[in-house]
């Protein structure tokens, strides 16, 4: 799975959660950039990402996520771990 594909998939998730088809996310995108990104939206994002990528995050990992870049890095870490298992 390449980075462009993962970013596109995550962007689709963000667009769905925030109900905004024009939303463009970048590595630096954080709750400071999206008005509706609150704790409930964060939970919805995590659940959707786990489902779409067939991965699971633990609480400690989730607490360290500060922006889209952190989230993408964690997704890749989980995907690579699963592929190497």
PDB file of N, CA and C in Angstrom:
ATOM      1  N   UNK A   1       0.852  -1.178   0.000  1.00  0.00           N
ATOM      2  CA  UNK A   1       0.000   0.000   0.000  1.00  0.00           C
ATOM      3  C   UNK A   1       0.900   1.243   0.000  1.00  0.00           C
ATOM      4  N   UNK A   2       0.746   2.092  -1.000  1.00  0.00           N
ATOM      5  CA  UNK A   2       1.618   3.268  -1.068  1.00  0.00           C
ATOM      6  C   UNK A   2       1.019   4.459  -0.315  1.00  0.00           C
ATOM      7  N   UNK A   3       1.865   5.458  -0.081  1.00  0.00           N
ATOM      8  CA  UNK A   3       1.460   6.602   0.731  1.00  0.00           C
ATOM      9  C   UNK A   3       0.344   7.412   0.087  1.00  0.00           C
ATOM     10  N   UNK A   4       0.378   7.559  -1.224  1.00  0.00           N
ATOM     11  CA  UNK A   4      -0.665   8.324  -1.915  1.00  0.00           C
ATOM     12  C   UNK A   4      -2.033   7.664  -1.733  1.00  0.00           C
ATOM     13  N   UNK A   5      -2.061   6.335  -1.846  1.00  0.00           N
ATOM     14  CA  UNK A   5      -3.317   5.596  -1.682  1.00  0.00           C
ATOM     15  C   UNK A   5      -3.851   5.772  -0.261  1.00  0.00           C
ATOM     16  N   UNK A   6      -2.970   5.642   0.727  1.00  0.00           N
ATOM     17  CA  UNK A   6      -3.386   5.780   2.124  1.00  0.00           C
ATOM     18  C   UNK A   6      -3.884   7.195   2.392  1.00  0.00           C
ATOM     19  N   UNK A   7      -3.175   8.198   1.889  1.00  0.00           N
ATOM     20  CA  UNK A   7      -3.612   9.583   2.082  1.00  0.00           C
ATOM     21  C   UNK A   7      -4.983   9.816   1.448  1.00  0.00           C
ATOM     22  N   UNK A   8      -5.199   9.302   0.252  1.00  0.00           N
ATOM     23  CA  UNK A   8      -6.502   9.448  -0.411  1.00  0.00           C
ATOM     24  C   UNK A   8      -7.614   8.794   0.402  1.00  0.00           C
ATOM     25  N   UNK A   9      -7.326   7.603   0.919  1.00  0.00           N
ATOM     26  CA  UNK A   9      -8.313   6.873   1.705  1.00  0.00           C
ATOM     27  C   UNK A   9      -8.631   7.620   3.005  1.00  0.00           C
ATOM     28  N   UNK A  10      -7.593   8.142   3.654  1.00  0.00           N
ATOM     29  CA  UNK A  10      -7.791   8.904   4.888  1.00  0.00           C
ATOM     30  C   UNK A  10      -8.546  10.203   4.588  1.00  0.00           C
ATOM     31  N   UNK A  11      -8.214  10.833   3.476  1.00  0.00           N
ATOM     32  CA  UNK A  11      -8.929  12.052   3.098  1.00  0.00           C
ATOM     33  C   UNK A  11     -10.412  11.763   2.881  1.00  0.00           C
ATOM     34  N   UNK A  12     -10.723  10.632   2.243  1.00  0.00           N
ATOM     35  CA  UNK A  12     -12.120  10.239   2.064  1.00  0.00           C
ATOM     36  C   UNK A  12     -12.819  10.048   3.409  1.00  0.00           C
ATOM     37  N   UNK A  13     -12.109   9.467   4.367  1.00  0.00           N
ATOM     38  CA  UNK A  13     -12.668   9.276   5.711  1.00  0.00           C
ATOM     39  C   UNK A  13     -12.953  10.634   6.346  1.00  0.00           C
ATOM     40  N   UNK A  14     -11.998  11.557   6.260  1.00  0.00           N
ATOM     41  CA  UNK A  14     -12.192  12.898   6.817  1.00  0.00           C
ATOM     42  C   UNK A  14     -13.384  13.581   6.159  1.00  0.00           C
ATOM     43  N   UNK A  15     -13.489  13.479   4.843  1.00  0.00           N
ATOM     44  CA  UNK A  15     -14.602  14.110   4.131  1.00  0.00           C
ATOM     45  C   UNK A  15     -15.931  13.534   4.587  1.00  0.00           C
ATOM     46  N   UNK A  16     -15.965  12.225   4.825  1.00  0.00           N
ATOM     47  CA  UNK A  16     -17.186  11.577   5.280  1.00  0.00           C
ATOM     48  C   UNK A  16     -17.537  12.001   6.710  1.00  0.00           C
ATOM     49  N   UNK A  17     -16.573  11.981   7.602  1.00  0.00           N
ATOM     50  CA  UNK A  17     -16.816  12.320   9.014  1.00  0.00           C
ATOM     51  C   UNK A  17     -17.253  13.780   9.151  1.00  0.00           C
ATOM     52  N   UNK A  18     -16.598  14.667   8.407  1.00  0.00           N
ATOM     53  CA  UNK A  18     -16.903  16.094   8.523  1.00  0.00           C
ATOM     54  C   UNK A  18     -17.924  16.573   7.492  1.00  0.00           C
ATOM     55  N   UNK A  19     -18.443  15.642   6.706  1.00  0.00           N
ATOM     56  CA  UNK A  19     -19.474  15.935   5.711  1.00  0.00           C
ATOM     57  C   UNK A  19     -19.091  17.137   4.844  1.00  0.00           C
ATOM     58  N   UNK A  20     -17.867  17.060   4.284  1.00  0.00           N
ATOM     59  CA  UNK A  20     -17.337  18.155   3.456  1.00  0.00           C
ATOM     60  C   UNK A  20     -16.520  17.553   2.315  1.00  0.00           C
ATOM     61  N   UNK A  21     -17.146  17.462   1.151  1.00  0.00           N
ATOM     62  CA  UNK A  21     -16.489  16.854  -0.012  1.00  0.00           C
ATOM     63  C   UNK A  21     -15.331  17.683  -0.555  1.00  0.00           C
ATOM     64  N   UNK A  22     -15.196  18.927  -0.120  1.00  0.00           N
ATOM     65  CA  UNK A  22     -14.110  19.783  -0.614  1.00  0.00           C
ATOM     66  C   UNK A  22     -12.917  19.806   0.345  1.00  0.00           C
ATOM     67  N   UNK A  23     -13.033  19.129   1.479  1.00  0.00           N
ATOM     68  CA  UNK A  23     -11.973  19.135   2.485  1.00  0.00           C
ATOM     69  C   UNK A  23     -10.691  18.522   1.936  1.00  0.00           C
ATOM     70  N   UNK A  24      -9.591  19.262   2.064  1.00  0.00           N
ATOM     71  CA  UNK A  24      -8.272  18.772   1.671  1.00  0.00           C
ATOM     72  C   UNK A  24      -7.421  18.700   2.929  1.00  0.00           C
ATOM     73  N   UNK A  25      -6.903  17.507   3.227  1.00  0.00           N
ATOM     74  CA  UNK A  25      -6.049  17.363   4.399  1.00  0.00           C
ATOM     75  C   UNK A  25      -4.591  17.309   3.974  1.00  0.00           C
ATOM     76  N   UNK A  26      -3.735  17.747   4.863  1.00  0.00           N
ATOM     77  CA  UNK A  26      -2.285  17.716   4.670  1.00  0.00           C
ATOM     78  C   UNK A  26      -1.658  17.110   5.916  1.00  0.00           C
ATOM     79  N   UNK A  27      -0.373  16.852   5.865  1.00  0.00           N
ATOM     80  CA  UNK A  27       0.346  16.287   7.015  1.00  0.00           C
ATOM     81  C   UNK A  27       0.125  17.139   8.269  1.00  0.00           C
ATOM     82  N   UNK A  28       0.080  18.450   8.091  1.00  0.00           N
ATOM     83  CA  UNK A  28      -0.004  19.383   9.221  1.00  0.00           C
ATOM     84  C   UNK A  28      -1.423  19.606   9.721  1.00  0.00           C
ATOM     85  N   UNK A  29      -2.423  19.084   9.010  1.00  0.00           N
ATOM     86  CA  UNK A  29      -3.812  19.305   9.406  1.00  0.00           C
ATOM     87  C   UNK A  29      -4.043  18.734  10.804  1.00  0.00           C
ATOM     88  N   UNK A  30      -4.665  19.563  11.651  1.00  0.00           N
ATOM     89  CA  UNK A  30      -4.909  19.164  13.040  1.00  0.00           C
ATOM     90  C   UNK A  30      -6.269  19.697  13.475  1.00  0.00           C
ATOM     91  N   UNK A  31      -6.691  19.388  14.688  1.00  0.00           N
ATOM     92  CA  UNK A  31      -7.960  19.936  15.177  1.00  0.00           C
ATOM     93  C   UNK A  31      -7.995  21.467  15.153  1.00  0.00           C
ATOM     94  N   UNK A  32      -6.842  22.102  15.154  1.00  0.00           N
ATOM     95  CA  UNK A  32      -6.793  23.564  15.075  1.00  0.00           C
ATOM     96  C   UNK A  32      -7.241  24.091  13.712  1.00  0.00           C
ATOM     97  N   UNK A  33      -7.176  23.226  12.673  1.00  0.00           N
ATOM     98  CA  UNK A  33      -7.515  23.642  11.318  1.00  0.00           C
ATOM     99  C   UNK A  33      -8.939  23.305  10.893  1.00  0.00           C
ATOM    100  N   UNK A  34      -9.584  22.399  11.620  1.00  0.00           N
ATOM    101  CA  UNK A  34     -10.933  21.956  11.260  1.00  0.00           C
ATOM    102  C   UNK A  34     -11.845  22.232  12.450  1.00  0.00           C
ATOM    103  N   UNK A  35     -12.763  23.160  12.244  1.00  0.00           N
ATOM    104  CA  UNK A  35     -13.623  23.641  13.332  1.00  0.00           C
ATOM    105  C   UNK A  35     -14.378  22.518  14.050  1.00  0.00           C
ATOM    106  N   UNK A  36     -14.897  21.563  13.311  1.00  0.00           N
ATOM    107  CA  UNK A  36     -15.729  20.509  13.909  1.00  0.00           C
ATOM    108  C   UNK A  36     -14.937  19.318  14.451  1.00  0.00           C
ATOM    109  N   UNK A  37     -13.605  19.405  14.435  1.00  0.00           N
ATOM    110  CA  UNK A  37     -12.772  18.290  14.899  1.00  0.00           C
ATOM    111  C   UNK A  37     -12.683  18.343  16.426  1.00  0.00           C
ATOM    112  N   UNK A  38     -13.644  17.698  17.060  1.00  0.00           N
ATOM    113  CA  UNK A  38     -13.677  17.632  18.518  1.00  0.00           C
ATOM    114  C   UNK A  38     -13.421  16.190  18.948  1.00  0.00           C
ATOM    115  N   UNK A  39     -13.631  15.901  20.220  1.00  0.00           N
ATOM    116  CA  UNK A  39     -13.325  14.560  20.726  1.00  0.00           C
ATOM    117  C   UNK A  39     -14.215  13.489  20.091  1.00  0.00           C
ATOM    118  N   UNK A  40     -15.465  13.813  19.834  1.00  0.00           N
ATOM    119  CA  UNK A  40     -16.347  12.847  19.184  1.00  0.00           C
ATOM    120  C   UNK A  40     -15.911  12.588  17.746  1.00  0.00           C
ATOM    121  N   UNK A  41     -15.545  13.629  17.044  1.00  0.00           N
ATOM    122  CA  UNK A  41     -15.044  13.461  15.678  1.00  0.00           C
ATOM    123  C   UNK A  41     -13.764  12.621  15.683  1.00  0.00           C
ATOM    124  N   UNK A  42     -12.908  12.833  16.672  1.00  0.00           N
ATOM    125  CA  UNK A  42     -11.666  12.056  16.782  1.00  0.00           C
ATOM    126  C   UNK A  42     -11.987  10.566  16.940  1.00  0.00           C
ATOM    127  N   UNK A  43     -12.948  10.254  17.781  1.00  0.00           N
ATOM    128  CA  UNK A  43     -13.349   8.852  17.964  1.00  0.00           C
ATOM    129  C   UNK A  43     -13.887   8.288  16.658  1.00  0.00           C
ATOM    130  N   UNK A  44     -14.730   9.046  15.979  1.00  0.00           N
ATOM    131  CA  UNK A  44     -15.285   8.591  14.699  1.00  0.00           C
ATOM    132  C   UNK A  44     -14.190   8.379  13.653  1.00  0.00           C
ATOM    133  N   UNK A  45     -13.206   9.267  13.626  1.00  0.00           N
ATOM    134  CA  UNK A  45     -12.079   9.108  12.698  1.00  0.00           C
ATOM    135  C   UNK A  45     -11.305   7.830  12.990  1.00  0.00           C
ATOM    136  N   UNK A  46     -10.986   7.618  14.263  1.00  0.00           N
ATOM    137  CA  UNK A  46     -10.211   6.442  14.656  1.00  0.00           C
ATOM    138  C   UNK A  46     -10.958   5.162  14.292  1.00  0.00           C
ATOM    139  N   UNK A  47     -12.235   5.101  14.617  1.00  0.00           N
ATOM    140  CA  UNK A  47     -13.038   3.909  14.323  1.00  0.00           C
ATOM    141  C   UNK A  47     -13.088   3.651  12.817  1.00  0.00           C
ATOM    142  N   UNK A  48     -13.304   4.703  12.031  1.00  0.00           N
ATOM    143  CA  UNK A  48     -13.371   4.549  10.570  1.00  0.00           C
ATOM    144  C   UNK A  48     -12.031   4.108   9.994  1.00  0.00           C
ATOM    145  N   UNK A  49     -10.939   4.683  10.483  1.00  0.00           N
ATOM    146  CA  UNK A  49      -9.602   4.306  10.005  1.00  0.00           C
ATOM    147  C   UNK A  49      -9.304   2.850  10.362  1.00  0.00           C
ATOM    148  N   UNK A  50      -9.597   2.465  11.593  1.00  0.00           N
ATOM    149  CA  UNK A  50      -9.364   1.070  12.003  1.00  0.00           C
ATOM    150  C   UNK A  50     -10.158   0.111  11.119  1.00  0.00           C
ATOM    151  N   UNK A  51     -11.391   0.449  10.839  1.00  0.00           N
ATOM    152  CA  UNK A  51     -12.237  -0.414  10.018  1.00  0.00           C
ATOM    153  C   UNK A  51     -11.728  -0.491   8.582  1.00  0.00           C
ATOM    154  N   UNK A  52     -11.454   0.663   7.981  1.00  0.00           N
ATOM    155  CA  UNK A  52     -11.035   0.690   6.572  1.00  0.00           C
ATOM    156  C   UNK A  52      -9.686   0.022   6.334  1.00  0.00           C
ATOM    157  N   UNK A  53      -8.773   0.155   7.285  1.00  0.00           N
ATOM    158  CA  UNK A  53      -7.439  -0.411   7.111  1.00  0.00           C
ATOM    159  C   UNK A  53      -7.257  -1.740   7.843  1.00  0.00           C
ATOM    160  N   UNK A  54      -8.297  -2.204   8.534  1.00  0.00           N
ATOM    161  CA  UNK A  54      -8.252  -3.461   9.291  1.00  0.00           C
ATOM    162  C   UNK A  54      -7.067  -3.480  10.268  1.00  0.00           C
ATOM    163  N   UNK A  55      -6.988  -2.409  11.056  1.00  0.00           N
ATOM    164  CA  UNK A  55      -5.944  -2.275  12.067  1.00  0.00           C
ATOM    165  C   UNK A  55      -6.597  -1.845  13.379  1.00  0.00           C
ATOM    166  N   UNK A  56      -5.847  -1.912  14.464  1.00  0.00           N
ATOM    167  CA  UNK A  56      -6.334  -1.470  15.775  1.00  0.00           C
ATOM    168  C   UNK A  56      -5.277  -0.584  16.420  1.00  0.00           C
ATOM    169  N   UNK A  57      -5.733   0.513  17.003  1.00  0.00           N
ATOM    170  CA  UNK A  57      -4.866   1.406  17.759  1.00  0.00           C
ATOM    171  C   UNK A  57      -5.129   1.187  19.242  1.00  0.00           C
ATOM    172  N   UNK A  58      -4.084   1.316  20.060  1.00  0.00           N
ATOM    173  CA  UNK A  58      -4.316   1.278  21.498  1.00  0.00           C
ATOM    174  C   UNK A  58      -4.448   2.713  22.019  1.00  0.00           C
ATOM    175  N   UNK A  59      -4.893   2.860  23.239  1.00  0.00           N
ATOM    176  CA  UNK A  59      -5.166   4.177  23.810  1.00  0.00           C
ATOM    177  C   UNK A  59      -3.919   5.062  23.820  1.00  0.00           C
ATOM    178  N   UNK A  60      -2.794   4.496  24.164  1.00  0.00           N
ATOM    179  CA  UNK A  60      -1.545   5.272  24.208  1.00  0.00           C
ATOM    180  C   UNK A  60      -1.202   5.834  22.830  1.00  0.00           C
ATOM    181  N   UNK A  61      -1.368   5.032  21.794  1.00  0.00           N
ATOM    182  CA  UNK A  61      -1.097   5.494  20.429  1.00  0.00           C
ATOM    183  C   UNK A  61      -2.038   6.626  20.044  1.00  0.00           C
ATOM    184  N   UNK A  62      -3.305   6.477  20.377  1.00  0.00           N
ATOM    185  CA  UNK A  62      -4.305   7.488  20.032  1.00  0.00           C
ATOM    186  C   UNK A  62      -3.992   8.807  20.728  1.00  0.00           C
ATOM    187  N   UNK A  63      -3.575   8.748  21.973  1.00  0.00           N
ATOM    188  CA  UNK A  63      -3.283   9.957  22.744  1.00  0.00           C
ATOM    189  C   UNK A  63      -2.102  10.733  22.167  1.00  0.00           C
ATOM    190  N   UNK A  64      -1.214  10.060  21.441  1.00  0.00           N
ATOM    191  CA  UNK A  64      -0.034  10.717  20.860  1.00  0.00           C
ATOM    192  C   UNK A  64      -0.320  11.383  19.514  1.00  0.00           C
ATOM    193  N   UNK A  65      -1.484  11.124  18.937  1.00  0.00           N
ATOM    194  CA  UNK A  65      -1.814  11.683  17.623  1.00  0.00           C
ATOM    195  C   UNK A  65      -2.109  13.172  17.743  1.00  0.00           C
ATOM    196  N   UNK A  66      -1.339  13.985  17.035  1.00  0.00           N
ATOM    197  CA  UNK A  66      -1.511  15.437  17.088  1.00  0.00           C
ATOM    198  C   UNK A  66      -2.000  16.032  15.774  1.00  0.00           C
ATOM    199  N   UNK A  67      -1.777  15.299  14.654  1.00  0.00           N
ATOM    200  CA  UNK A  67      -2.164  15.806  13.339  1.00  0.00           C
ATOM    201  C   UNK A  67      -2.297  14.654  12.350  1.00  0.00           C
ATOM    202  N   UNK A  68      -2.633  14.969  11.126  1.00  0.00           N
ATOM    203  CA  UNK A  68      -2.808  13.949  10.095  1.00  0.00           C
ATOM    204  C   UNK A  68      -1.498  13.201   9.847  1.00  0.00           C
ATOM    205  N   UNK A  69      -0.372  13.896   9.866  1.00  0.00           N
ATOM    206  CA  UNK A  69       0.918  13.247   9.653  1.00  0.00           C
ATOM    207  C   UNK A  69       1.187  12.158  10.678  1.00  0.00           C
ATOM    208  N   UNK A  70       0.895  12.433  11.950  1.00  0.00           N
ATOM    209  CA  UNK A  70       1.055  11.425  13.006  1.00  0.00           C
ATOM    210  C   UNK A  70       0.151  10.224  12.729  1.00  0.00           C
ATOM    211  N   UNK A  71      -1.064  10.500  12.293  1.00  0.00           N
ATOM    212  CA  UNK A  71      -2.028   9.438  12.016  1.00  0.00           C
ATOM    213  C   UNK A  71      -1.558   8.571  10.852  1.00  0.00           C
ATOM    214  N   UNK A  72      -1.084   9.209   9.787  1.00  0.00           N
ATOM    215  CA  UNK A  72      -0.589   8.458   8.626  1.00  0.00           C
ATOM    216  C   UNK A  72       0.604   7.592   9.002  1.00  0.00           C
ATOM    217  N   UNK A  73       1.515   8.137   9.798  1.00  0.00           N
ATOM    218  CA  UNK A  73       2.696   7.377  10.227  1.00  0.00           C
ATOM    219  C   UNK A  73       2.275   6.145  11.023  1.00  0.00           C
ATOM    220  N   UNK A  74       1.299   6.309  11.902  1.00  0.00           N
ATOM    221  CA  UNK A  74       0.827   5.183  12.701  1.00  0.00           C
ATOM    222  C   UNK A  74       0.128   4.147  11.831  1.00  0.00           C
ATOM    223  N   UNK A  75      -0.641   4.598  10.852  1.00  0.00           N
ATOM    224  CA  UNK A  75      -1.291   3.662   9.927  1.00  0.00           C
ATOM    225  C   UNK A  75      -0.233   2.831   9.209  1.00  0.00           C
ATOM    226  N   UNK A  76       0.807   3.484   8.691  1.00  0.00           N
ATOM    227  CA  UNK A  76       1.868   2.755   7.990  1.00  0.00           C
ATOM    228  C   UNK A  76       2.582   1.778   8.905  1.00  0.00           C
ATOM    229  N   UNK A  77       2.817   2.180  10.137  1.00  0.00           N
ATOM    230  CA  UNK A  77       3.461   1.298  11.110  1.00  0.00           C
ATOM    231  C   UNK A  77       2.616   0.035  11.307  1.00  0.00           C
ATOM    232  N   UNK A  78       1.315   0.210  11.464  1.00  0.00           N
ATOM    233  CA  UNK A  78       0.413  -0.916  11.676  1.00  0.00           C
ATOM    234  C   UNK A  78       0.313  -1.796  10.421  1.00  0.00           C
ATOM    235  N   UNK A  79       0.216  -1.161   9.258  1.00  0.00           N
ATOM    236  CA  UNK A  79       0.114  -1.929   8.006  1.00  0.00           C
ATOM    237  C   UNK A  79       1.374  -2.750   7.786  1.00  0.00           C
ATOM    238  N   UNK A  80       2.534  -2.128   7.974  1.00  0.00           N
ATOM    239  CA  UNK A  80       3.790  -2.846   7.778  1.00  0.00           C
ATOM    240  C   UNK A  80       3.950  -3.973   8.777  1.00  0.00           C
ATOM    241  N   UNK A  81       3.515  -3.762  10.005  1.00  0.00           N
ATOM    242  CA  UNK A  81       3.579  -4.821  11.018  1.00  0.00           C
ATOM    243  C   UNK A  81       2.708  -5.997  10.612  1.00  0.00           C
ATOM    244  N   UNK A  82       1.490  -5.703  10.115  1.00  0.00           N
ATOM    245  CA  UNK A  82       0.580  -6.753   9.689  1.00  0.00           C
ATOM    246  C   UNK A  82       1.108  -7.520   8.476  1.00  0.00           C
ATOM    247  N   UNK A  83       1.742  -6.797   7.540  1.00  0.00           N
ATOM    248  CA  UNK A  83       2.264  -7.446   6.338  1.00  0.00           C
ATOM    249  C   UNK A  83       3.471  -8.305   6.647  1.00  0.00           C
ATOM    250  N   UNK A  84       4.218  -7.952   7.694  1.00  0.00           N
ATOM    251  CA  UNK A  84       5.422  -8.711   8.053  1.00  0.00           C
ATOM    252  C   UNK A  84       5.144  -9.830   9.040  1.00  0.00           C
ATOM    253  N   UNK A  85       3.904  -9.920   9.503  1.00  0.00           N
ATOM    254  CA  UNK A  85       3.551 -10.966  10.484  1.00  0.00           C
ATOM    255  C   UNK A  85       3.304 -12.288   9.805  1.00  0.00           C
TER     256      UNK A  85
END
